[in-house]
Amino acid sequence: MFSKQLLTQVAIITLGAAITAVGLEAFLVPNRIIDGGVVGISIMSSHLLDLPIGLFLFVLNLPFIYLGYKRLGKRFAVSSLFGIIILSLATTLLHNLFVVTADPVLAAIFGGAVVGAGVGLVIRYGGTLDGTEIIAVLADKKSPFSVGEIIMFMNFFILSSAGFVFGWDRAMYSLIAYFVAFRVIDATVQGFNESKSVWIVSKEYEQLGKAIELELGRRVNYVNGQSNAEIIADGVMLTIITRIEEQKLKAIVQEYDPEAYLVISNVREVMGRNFSRRRRR
């Protein structure tokens, strides 16, 4: 019996792979613009060998999926393989079916955005459509470079190769597409309602904490603190809010204690009571 969570994951990965295929076949491929990673290699290989892009997407990703299975687990590998199969089939079905624009600038911007949204959905729900990300994760454990730096290093050579295959103007358009896709992937994976952690030091911590819980509905955690300058025991509070709640929180603090010390920073993931959000790395 399939669980609701599994069915949701299958549906979202299918949707994400289909959206990615639309971004490729309706924007990037007709305008000879590539994305990074295996997708970019597949687009160039398809052009040079006159074979379907879907074939290269599937075959070139298989070794990476195997590595992912050995190192990152069965569930990740199965989710990624499923998404790649859907992407391969969808690009084959959509090939030469319709082209949204012949303007390379518009194709790079909107194509990158559509591809980024699709890939971001798949990543958010536990898979990947590009095996180079698996290599980057594995290499990160034995390298002084971060995952992002490794991916950027590999994609630099892949995107540069587009200059020899499609011309240097297309390579530059490809850089635009890659940058847009990167930003949209980040927004899709993290969500647009970005979380923020807030540390507050205030003498009025009791009233302030109750106001935050009442007006924002956010849990407040209390920590004993001390001001070194005045040797006065102040209340230290920690709470998590969303980006759209930031101004409201500041107004509450200003109302109850204009002299309160406030530290606000972005957070990548939140788990726990009273904060129902799904986030991934």
C-alpha atoms as a PDB file:
ATOM      1  CA  MET A   1       0.000   0.000   0.000  1.00  0.00           C
ATOM      2  CA  PHE A   2       1.493   3.325  -1.087  1.00  0.00           C
ATOM      3  CA  SER A   3       1.563   6.047   1.543  1.00  0.00           C
ATOM      4  CA  LYS A   4       0.285   9.546   0.909  1.00  0.00           C
ATOM      5  CA  GLN A   5       3.831  10.865   1.322  1.00  0.00           C
ATOM      6  CA  LEU A   6       5.186   8.516  -1.351  1.00  0.00           C
ATOM      7  CA  LEU A   7       2.406   9.365  -3.790  1.00  0.00           C
ATOM      8  CA  THR A   8       3.036  13.068  -3.231  1.00  0.00           C
ATOM      9  CA  GLN A   9       6.751  12.569  -3.850  1.00  0.00           C
ATOM     10  CA  VAL A  10       6.087  10.657  -7.092  1.00  0.00           C
ATOM     11  CA  ALA A  11       3.638  13.305  -8.298  1.00  0.00           C
ATOM     12  CA  ILE A  12       5.959  16.235  -7.546  1.00  0.00           C
ATOM     13  CA  ILE A  13       9.024  14.582  -9.086  1.00  0.00           C
ATOM     14  CA  THR A  14       6.975  13.777 -12.201  1.00  0.00           C
ATOM     15  CA  LEU A  15       5.784  17.384 -12.370  1.00  0.00           C
ATOM     16  CA  GLY A  16       9.294  18.741 -11.825  1.00  0.00           C
ATOM     17  CA  ALA A  17      10.790  16.539 -14.543  1.00  0.00           C
ATOM     18  CA  ALA A  18       8.013  17.525 -16.969  1.00  0.00           C
ATOM     19  CA  ILE A  19       8.541  21.231 -16.254  1.00  0.00           C
ATOM     20  CA  THR A  20      12.276  20.800 -16.830  1.00  0.00           C
ATOM     21  CA  ALA A  21      11.568  19.121 -20.176  1.00  0.00           C
ATOM     22  CA  VAL A  22       9.378  22.067 -21.236  1.00  0.00           C
ATOM     23  CA  GLY A  23      12.136  24.511 -20.327  1.00  0.00           C
ATOM     24  CA  LEU A  24      14.632  22.548 -22.395  1.00  0.00           C
ATOM     25  CA  GLU A  25      12.549  21.793 -25.477  1.00  0.00           C
ATOM     26  CA  ALA A  26      10.517  25.001 -25.671  1.00  0.00           C
ATOM     27  CA  PHE A  27      13.300  27.457 -24.851  1.00  0.00           C
ATOM     28  CA  LEU A  28      16.901  26.256 -24.625  1.00  0.00           C
ATOM     29  CA  VAL A  29      17.380  23.453 -27.166  1.00  0.00           C
ATOM     30  CA  PRO A  30      15.776  25.225 -30.178  1.00  0.00           C
ATOM     31  CA  ASN A  31      17.995  28.242 -29.530  1.00  0.00           C
ATOM     32  CA  ARG A  32      21.166  26.135 -29.042  1.00  0.00           C
ATOM     33  CA  ILE A  33      21.505  27.227 -25.431  1.00  0.00           C
ATOM     34  CA  ILE A  34      22.664  24.721 -22.831  1.00  0.00           C
ATOM     35  CA  ASP A  35      22.365  24.303 -19.088  1.00  0.00           C
ATOM     36  CA  GLY A  36      25.114  22.949 -16.858  1.00  0.00           C
ATOM     37  CA  GLY A  37      25.907  19.383 -15.875  1.00  0.00           C
ATOM     38  CA  VAL A  38      24.703  16.262 -17.663  1.00  0.00           C
ATOM     39  CA  VAL A  39      21.869  18.251 -19.253  1.00  0.00           C
ATOM     40  CA  GLY A  40      24.353  20.509 -21.005  1.00  0.00           C
ATOM     41  CA  ILE A  41      26.495  17.577 -22.149  1.00  0.00           C
ATOM     42  CA  SER A  42      23.362  15.831 -23.432  1.00  0.00           C
ATOM     43  CA  ILE A  43      22.265  18.864 -25.463  1.00  0.00           C
ATOM     44  CA  MET A  44      25.683  19.130 -27.129  1.00  0.00           C
ATOM     45  CA  SER A  45      25.928  15.371 -27.703  1.00  0.00           C
ATOM     46  CA  SER A  46      22.472  15.312 -29.278  1.00  0.00           C
ATOM     47  CA  HIS A  47      23.465  18.122 -31.628  1.00  0.00           C
ATOM     48  CA  LEU A  48      26.755  16.498 -32.651  1.00  0.00           C
ATOM     49  CA  LEU A  49      25.460  12.925 -33.052  1.00  0.00           C
ATOM     50  CA  ASP A  50      21.883  13.720 -34.160  1.00  0.00           C
ATOM     51  CA  LEU A  51      20.344  11.440 -31.540  1.00  0.00           C
ATOM     52  CA  PRO A  52      17.530  12.188 -29.044  1.00  0.00           C
ATOM     53  CA  ILE A  53      18.481  14.240 -26.001  1.00  0.00           C
ATOM     54  CA  GLY A  54      16.501  11.865 -23.812  1.00  0.00           C
ATOM     55  CA  LEU A  55      18.821   9.015 -24.730  1.00  0.00           C
ATOM     56  CA  PHE A  56      21.884  10.901 -23.485  1.00  0.00           C
ATOM     57  CA  LEU A  57      20.092  12.161 -20.373  1.00  0.00           C
ATOM     58  CA  PHE A  58      19.327   8.580 -19.383  1.00  0.00           C
ATOM     59  CA  VAL A  59      22.600   6.885 -20.371  1.00  0.00           C
ATOM     60  CA  LEU A  60      24.977   9.567 -19.041  1.00  0.00           C
ATOM     61  CA  ASN A  61      23.196   9.740 -15.698  1.00  0.00           C
ATOM     62  CA  LEU A  62      23.257   5.986 -15.031  1.00  0.00           C
ATOM     63  CA  PRO A  63      26.816   5.837 -13.618  1.00  0.00           C
ATOM     64  CA  PHE A  64      26.038   8.713 -11.268  1.00  0.00           C
ATOM     65  CA  ILE A  65      22.817   7.066 -10.114  1.00  0.00           C
ATOM     66  CA  TYR A  66      24.809   3.925  -9.298  1.00  0.00           C
ATOM     67  CA  LEU A  67      27.250   6.001  -7.247  1.00  0.00           C
ATOM     68  CA  GLY A  68      24.332   7.651  -5.509  1.00  0.00           C
ATOM     69  CA  TYR A  69      22.878   4.247  -4.684  1.00  0.00           C
ATOM     70  CA  LYS A  70      26.179   3.048  -3.186  1.00  0.00           C
ATOM     71  CA  ARG A  71      26.955   6.180  -1.211  1.00  0.00           C
ATOM     72  CA  LEU A  72      23.718   8.111  -0.617  1.00  0.00           C
ATOM     73  CA  GLY A  73      21.127   5.367  -0.275  1.00  0.00           C
ATOM     74  CA  LYS A  74      18.494   3.445  -2.188  1.00  0.00           C
ATOM     75  CA  ARG A  75      15.688   5.957  -1.756  1.00  0.00           C
ATOM     76  CA  PHE A  76      17.696   8.817  -3.217  1.00  0.00           C
ATOM     77  CA  ALA A  77      18.840   6.669  -6.147  1.00  0.00           C
ATOM     78  CA  VAL A  78      15.323   5.408  -6.931  1.00  0.00           C
ATOM     79  CA  SER A  79      13.845   8.916  -6.726  1.00  0.00           C
ATOM     80  CA  SER A  80      16.556  10.294  -9.009  1.00  0.00           C
ATOM     81  CA  LEU A  81      16.274   7.435 -11.492  1.00  0.00           C
ATOM     82  CA  PHE A  82      12.514   7.894 -11.686  1.00  0.00           C
ATOM     83  CA  GLY A  83      12.892  11.634 -12.306  1.00  0.00           C
ATOM     84  CA  ILE A  84      15.526  11.090 -14.992  1.00  0.00           C
ATOM     85  CA  ILE A  85      13.350   8.522 -16.781  1.00  0.00           C
ATOM     86  CA  ILE A  86      10.433  10.985 -16.809  1.00  0.00           C
ATOM     87  CA  LEU A  87      12.723  13.764 -18.042  1.00  0.00           C
ATOM     88  CA  SER A  88      14.132  11.550 -20.809  1.00  0.00           C
ATOM     89  CA  LEU A  89      10.673  10.506 -22.003  1.00  0.00           C
ATOM     90  CA  ALA A  90       9.257  14.028 -21.775  1.00  0.00           C
ATOM     91  CA  THR A  91      12.084  15.601 -23.795  1.00  0.00           C
ATOM     92  CA  THR A  92      11.599  12.951 -26.480  1.00  0.00           C
ATOM     93  CA  LEU A  93       7.849  13.586 -26.654  1.00  0.00           C
ATOM     94  CA  LEU A  94       8.227  17.377 -26.686  1.00  0.00           C
ATOM     95  CA  HIS A  95      11.135  17.548 -29.150  1.00  0.00           C
ATOM     96  CA  ASN A  96      10.316  19.915 -32.033  1.00  0.00           C
ATOM     97  CA  LEU A  97       6.713  20.118 -30.794  1.00  0.00           C
ATOM     98  CA  PHE A  98       6.648  23.835 -30.032  1.00  0.00           C
ATOM     99  CA  VAL A  99       9.035  26.756 -29.568  1.00  0.00           C
ATOM    100  CA  VAL A 100       8.008  29.666 -27.359  1.00  0.00           C
ATOM    101  CA  THR A 101      10.549  32.220 -28.588  1.00  0.00           C
ATOM    102  CA  ALA A 102      13.397  32.535 -31.062  1.00  0.00           C
ATOM    103  CA  ASP A 103      14.955  35.434 -29.161  1.00  0.00           C
ATOM    104  CA  PRO A 104      18.066  33.990 -27.466  1.00  0.00           C
ATOM    105  CA  VAL A 105      17.957  36.470 -24.572  1.00  0.00           C
ATOM    106  CA  LEU A 106      14.337  35.666 -23.751  1.00  0.00           C
ATOM    107  CA  ALA A 107      15.040  31.967 -24.244  1.00  0.00           C
ATOM    108  CA  ALA A 108      17.989  32.075 -21.842  1.00  0.00           C
ATOM    109  CA  ILE A 109      16.097  33.973 -19.143  1.00  0.00           C
ATOM    110  CA  PHE A 110      12.754  32.183 -19.291  1.00  0.00           C
ATOM    111  CA  GLY A 111      14.236  28.835 -20.210  1.00  0.00           C
ATOM    112  CA  GLY A 112      16.609  29.031 -17.274  1.00  0.00           C
ATOM    113  CA  ALA A 113      13.734  29.978 -14.976  1.00  0.00           C
ATOM    114  CA  VAL A 114      11.513  27.099 -16.116  1.00  0.00           C
ATOM    115  CA  VAL A 115      14.335  24.563 -15.917  1.00  0.00           C
ATOM    116  CA  GLY A 116      15.330  25.879 -12.495  1.00  0.00           C
ATOM    117  CA  ALA A 117      11.774  25.555 -11.185  1.00  0.00           C
ATOM    118  CA  GLY A 118      11.524  21.961 -12.401  1.00  0.00           C
ATOM    119  CA  VAL A 119      14.901  20.882 -11.061  1.00  0.00           C
ATOM    120  CA  GLY A 120      14.216  22.652  -7.771  1.00  0.00           C
ATOM    121  CA  LEU A 121      10.982  20.712  -7.258  1.00  0.00           C
ATOM    122  CA  VAL A 122      12.758  17.409  -7.817  1.00  0.00           C
ATOM    123  CA  ILE A 123      15.579  18.309  -5.418  1.00  0.00           C
ATOM    124  CA  ARG A 124      13.101  19.495  -2.792  1.00  0.00           C
ATOM    125  CA  TYR A 125      11.382  16.122  -2.855  1.00  0.00           C
ATOM    126  CA  GLY A 126      14.476  13.976  -2.523  1.00  0.00           C
ATOM    127  CA  GLY A 127      15.852  13.410  -6.026  1.00  0.00           C
ATOM    128  CA  THR A 128      18.032  14.967  -8.680  1.00  0.00           C
ATOM    129  CA  LEU A 129      17.956  15.271 -12.463  1.00  0.00           C
ATOM    130  CA  ASP A 130      21.679  15.780 -12.878  1.00  0.00           C
ATOM    131  CA  GLY A 131      24.370  13.304 -11.842  1.00  0.00           C
ATOM    132  CA  THR A 132      27.077  15.948 -11.469  1.00  0.00           C
ATOM    133  CA  GLU A 133      25.412  17.005  -8.224  1.00  0.00           C
ATOM    134  CA  ILE A 134      26.029  13.496  -6.865  1.00  0.00           C
ATOM    135  CA  ILE A 135      29.697  13.753  -7.807  1.00  0.00           C
ATOM    136  CA  ALA A 136      29.897  17.130  -6.084  1.00  0.00           C
ATOM    137  CA  VAL A 137      28.342  15.792  -2.870  1.00  0.00           C
ATOM    138  CA  LEU A 138      30.730  12.827  -2.786  1.00  0.00           C
ATOM    139  CA  ALA A 139      33.778  14.926  -3.681  1.00  0.00           C
ATOM    140  CA  ASP A 140      32.890  17.444  -0.968  1.00  0.00           C
ATOM    141  CA  LYS A 141      33.700  14.822   1.683  1.00  0.00           C
ATOM    142  CA  LYS A 142      37.293  14.501   0.466  1.00  0.00           C
ATOM    143  CA  SER A 143      37.895  17.972  -0.907  1.00  0.00           C
ATOM    144  CA  PRO A 144      38.575  21.372   0.651  1.00  0.00           C
ATOM    145  CA  PHE A 145      35.980  22.856  -1.733  1.00  0.00           C
ATOM    146  CA  SER A 146      32.246  23.143  -1.058  1.00  0.00           C
ATOM    147  CA  VAL A 147      29.547  21.394  -3.095  1.00  0.00           C
ATOM    148  CA  GLY A 148      28.656  24.683  -4.776  1.00  0.00           C
ATOM    149  CA  GLU A 149      32.272  25.388  -5.722  1.00  0.00           C
ATOM    150  CA  ILE A 150      32.733  21.906  -7.189  1.00  0.00           C
ATOM    151  CA  ILE A 151      29.528  22.177  -9.242  1.00  0.00           C
ATOM    152  CA  MET A 152      30.550  25.620 -10.476  1.00  0.00           C
ATOM    153  CA  PHE A 153      34.013  24.341 -11.435  1.00  0.00           C
ATOM    154  CA  MET A 154      32.574  21.440 -13.472  1.00  0.00           C
ATOM    155  CA  ASN A 155      29.945  23.612 -15.121  1.00  0.00           C
ATOM    156  CA  PHE A 156      32.565  26.182 -16.125  1.00  0.00           C
ATOM    157  CA  PHE A 157      34.134  23.633 -18.474  1.00  0.00           C
ATOM    158  CA  ILE A 158      30.762  22.336 -19.684  1.00  0.00           C
ATOM    159  CA  LEU A 159      29.418  25.803 -20.472  1.00  0.00           C
ATOM    160  CA  SER A 160      32.716  26.788 -22.080  1.00  0.00           C
ATOM    161  CA  SER A 161      32.398  23.773 -24.373  1.00  0.00           C
ATOM    162  CA  ALA A 162      29.216  25.307 -25.786  1.00  0.00           C
ATOM    163  CA  GLY A 163      31.412  27.951 -27.388  1.00  0.00           C
ATOM    164  CA  PHE A 164      33.151  25.325 -29.547  1.00  0.00           C
ATOM    165  CA  VAL A 165      29.900  23.514 -30.416  1.00  0.00           C
ATOM    166  CA  PHE A 166      27.370  26.338 -30.874  1.00  0.00           C
ATOM    167  CA  GLY A 167      29.490  29.496 -31.022  1.00  0.00           C
ATOM    168  CA  TRP A 168      30.668  31.857 -28.303  1.00  0.00           C
ATOM    169  CA  ASP A 169      27.553  33.995 -28.355  1.00  0.00           C
ATOM    170  CA  ARG A 170      25.514  30.902 -27.460  1.00  0.00           C
ATOM    171  CA  ALA A 171      27.989  30.102 -24.701  1.00  0.00           C
ATOM    172  CA  MET A 172      27.333  33.522 -23.197  1.00  0.00           C
ATOM    173  CA  TYR A 173      23.581  33.029 -23.458  1.00  0.00           C
ATOM    174  CA  SER A 174      24.117  29.679 -21.760  1.00  0.00           C
ATOM    175  CA  LEU A 175      25.816  31.445 -18.854  1.00  0.00           C
ATOM    176  CA  ILE A 176      22.728  33.626 -18.478  1.00  0.00           C
ATOM    177  CA  ALA A 177      20.470  30.569 -18.521  1.00  0.00           C
ATOM    178  CA  TYR A 178      22.641  28.782 -15.969  1.00  0.00           C
ATOM    179  CA  PHE A 179      22.689  31.765 -13.617  1.00  0.00           C
ATOM    180  CA  VAL A 180      18.902  32.192 -13.803  1.00  0.00           C
ATOM    181  CA  ALA A 181      18.348  28.451 -13.302  1.00  0.00           C
ATOM    182  CA  PHE A 182      20.714  28.451 -10.307  1.00  0.00           C
ATOM    183  CA  ARG A 183      18.824  31.274  -8.598  1.00  0.00           C
ATOM    184  CA  VAL A 184      15.410  29.746  -9.288  1.00  0.00           C
ATOM    185  CA  ILE A 185      16.551  26.321  -8.040  1.00  0.00           C
ATOM    186  CA  ASP A 186      17.683  27.965  -4.810  1.00  0.00           C
ATOM    187  CA  ALA A 187      14.360  29.794  -4.402  1.00  0.00           C
ATOM    188  CA  THR A 188      12.341  26.665  -5.200  1.00  0.00           C
ATOM    189  CA  VAL A 189      14.263  24.388  -2.861  1.00  0.00           C
ATOM    190  CA  GLN A 190      14.291  26.825   0.051  1.00  0.00           C
ATOM    191  CA  GLY A 191      10.852  28.289  -0.581  1.00  0.00           C
ATOM    192  CA  PHE A 192       9.925  31.890  -1.125  1.00  0.00           C
ATOM    193  CA  ASN A 193       8.748  32.341   2.468  1.00  0.00           C
ATOM    194  CA  GLU A 194      12.278  32.442   3.868  1.00  0.00           C
ATOM    195  CA  SER A 195      12.818  31.684   7.542  1.00  0.00           C
ATOM    196  CA  LYS A 196      14.699  33.945   9.942  1.00  0.00           C
ATOM    197  CA  SER A 197      16.032  33.281  13.418  1.00  0.00           C
ATOM    198  CA  VAL A 198      15.664  36.144  15.866  1.00  0.00           C
ATOM    199  CA  TRP A 199      17.637  36.649  19.096  1.00  0.00           C
ATOM    200  CA  ILE A 200      16.228  39.316  21.425  1.00  0.00           C
ATOM    201  CA  VAL A 201      17.808  40.636  24.621  1.00  0.00           C
ATOM    202  CA  SER A 202      15.345  42.683  26.662  1.00  0.00           C
ATOM    203  CA  LYS A 203      14.495  43.614  30.243  1.00  0.00           C
ATOM    204  CA  GLU A 204      10.842  43.357  29.236  1.00  0.00           C
ATOM    205  CA  TYR A 205      11.261  39.792  28.052  1.00  0.00           C
ATOM    206  CA  GLU A 206       8.124  38.459  29.724  1.00  0.00           C
ATOM    207  CA  GLN A 207       5.725  40.948  28.137  1.00  0.00           C
ATOM    208  CA  LEU A 208       7.619  40.891  24.862  1.00  0.00           C
ATOM    209  CA  GLY A 209       7.599  37.096  24.648  1.00  0.00           C
ATOM    210  CA  LYS A 210       3.876  36.908  25.348  1.00  0.00           C
ATOM    211  CA  ALA A 211       3.190  39.541  22.680  1.00  0.00           C
ATOM    212  CA  ILE A 212       5.214  37.619  20.072  1.00  0.00           C
ATOM    213  CA  GLU A 213       3.394  34.389  20.855  1.00  0.00           C
ATOM    214  CA  LEU A 214       0.007  36.119  20.840  1.00  0.00           C
ATOM    215  CA  GLU A 215       0.351  38.377  17.801  1.00  0.00           C
ATOM    216  CA  LEU A 216       2.584  36.210  15.593  1.00  0.00           C
ATOM    217  CA  GLY A 217       1.719  32.782  16.944  1.00  0.00           C
ATOM    218  CA  ARG A 218       5.408  31.896  17.162  1.00  0.00           C
ATOM    219  CA  ARG A 219       7.017  29.897  19.945  1.00  0.00           C
ATOM    220  CA  VAL A 220       9.553  31.800  22.051  1.00  0.00           C
ATOM    221  CA  ASN A 221      12.432  30.068  23.856  1.00  0.00           C
ATOM    222  CA  TYR A 222      13.983  31.790  26.866  1.00  0.00           C
ATOM    223  CA  VAL A 223      17.645  31.753  27.885  1.00  0.00           C
ATOM    224  CA  ASN A 224      19.204  33.466  30.888  1.00  0.00           C
ATOM    225  CA  GLY A 225      21.602  36.172  29.814  1.00  0.00           C
ATOM    226  CA  GLN A 226      23.725  38.921  31.326  1.00  0.00           C
ATOM    227  CA  SER A 227      24.881  42.313  30.087  1.00  0.00           C
ATOM    228  CA  ASN A 228      28.614  42.666  30.706  1.00  0.00           C
ATOM    229  CA  ALA A 229      28.454  46.431  30.516  1.00  0.00           C
ATOM    230  CA  GLU A 230      25.867  47.009  33.224  1.00  0.00           C
ATOM    231  CA  ILE A 231      25.910  43.610  34.948  1.00  0.00           C
ATOM    232  CA  ILE A 232      22.140  43.478  34.644  1.00  0.00           C
ATOM    233  CA  ALA A 233      20.351  40.182  34.096  1.00  0.00           C
ATOM    234  CA  ASP A 234      18.360  40.565  30.891  1.00  0.00           C
ATOM    235  CA  GLY A 235      16.051  38.052  29.243  1.00  0.00           C
ATOM    236  CA  VAL A 236      17.445  36.389  26.128  1.00  0.00           C
ATOM    237  CA  MET A 237      14.851  35.027  23.714  1.00  0.00           C
ATOM    238  CA  LEU A 238      15.027  32.992  20.520  1.00  0.00           C
ATOM    239  CA  THR A 239      12.212  32.679  18.018  1.00  0.00           C
ATOM    240  CA  ILE A 240      11.810  31.717  14.359  1.00  0.00           C
ATOM    241  CA  ILE A 241       9.725  33.817  11.985  1.00  0.00           C
ATOM    242  CA  THR A 242       9.110  34.096   8.258  1.00  0.00           C
ATOM    243  CA  ARG A 243      10.351  36.948   6.101  1.00  0.00           C
ATOM    244  CA  ILE A 244       6.922  38.550   5.879  1.00  0.00           C
ATOM    245  CA  GLU A 245       6.650  38.605   9.686  1.00  0.00           C
ATOM    246  CA  GLU A 246       9.905  40.522  10.192  1.00  0.00           C
ATOM    247  CA  GLN A 247       8.443  44.027  10.138  1.00  0.00           C
ATOM    248  CA  LYS A 248       5.616  43.033  12.462  1.00  0.00           C
ATOM    249  CA  LEU A 249       8.136  41.588  14.931  1.00  0.00           C
ATOM    250  CA  LYS A 250      10.189  44.785  14.866  1.00  0.00           C
ATOM    251  CA  ALA A 251       7.061  46.805  15.573  1.00  0.00           C
ATOM    252  CA  ILE A 252       6.252  44.584  18.566  1.00  0.00           C
ATOM    253  CA  VAL A 253       9.779  44.961  19.962  1.00  0.00           C
ATOM    254  CA  GLN A 254       9.696  48.716  19.451  1.00  0.00           C
ATOM    255  CA  GLU A 255       6.377  48.956  21.278  1.00  0.00           C
ATOM    256  CA  TYR A 256       7.406  46.977  24.361  1.00  0.00           C
ATOM    257  CA  ASP A 257      11.120  47.758  24.609  1.00  0.00           C
ATOM    258  CA  PRO A 258      12.720  50.299  22.222  1.00  0.00           C
ATOM    259  CA  GLU A 259      16.111  49.589  23.811  1.00  0.00           C
ATOM    260  CA  ALA A 260      15.986  45.821  23.201  1.00  0.00           C
ATOM    261  CA  TYR A 261      18.967  44.206  21.457  1.00  0.00           C
ATOM    262  CA  LEU A 262      17.842  42.443  18.264  1.00  0.00           C
ATOM    263  CA  VAL A 263      19.780  40.027  16.016  1.00  0.00           C
ATOM    264  CA  ILE A 264      18.067  38.688  12.875  1.00  0.00           C
ATOM    265  CA  SER A 265      19.656  36.147  10.519  1.00  0.00           C
ATOM    266  CA  ASN A 266      18.554  33.823   7.727  1.00  0.00           C
ATOM    267  CA  VAL A 267      18.214  30.098   8.398  1.00  0.00           C
ATOM    268  CA  ARG A 268      18.294  27.264   5.879  1.00  0.00           C
ATOM    269  CA  GLU A 269      16.076  24.735   7.626  1.00  0.00           C
ATOM    270  CA  VAL A 270      13.492  24.717  10.382  1.00  0.00           C
ATOM    271  CA  MET A 271      12.015  21.674  12.070  1.00  0.00           C
ATOM    272  CA  GLY A 272       9.843  21.477  15.146  1.00  0.00           C
ATOM    273  CA  ARG A 273       6.571  22.402  16.749  1.00  0.00           C
ATOM    274  CA  ASN A 274       4.650  25.420  15.491  1.00  0.00           C
ATOM    275  CA  PHE A 275       6.684  25.763  12.322  1.00  0.00           C
ATOM    276  CA  SER A 276       5.222  23.586   9.567  1.00  0.00           C
ATOM    277  CA  ARG A 277       7.578  24.084   6.668  1.00  0.00           C
ATOM    278  CA  ARG A 278       9.322  21.651   4.370  1.00  0.00           C
ATOM    279  CA  ARG A 279      12.892  22.618   3.623  1.00  0.00           C
ATOM    280  CA  ARG A 280      15.887  20.911   2.134  1.00  0.00           C
ATOM    281  CA  ARG A 281      19.568  21.822   2.158  1.00  0.00           C
END
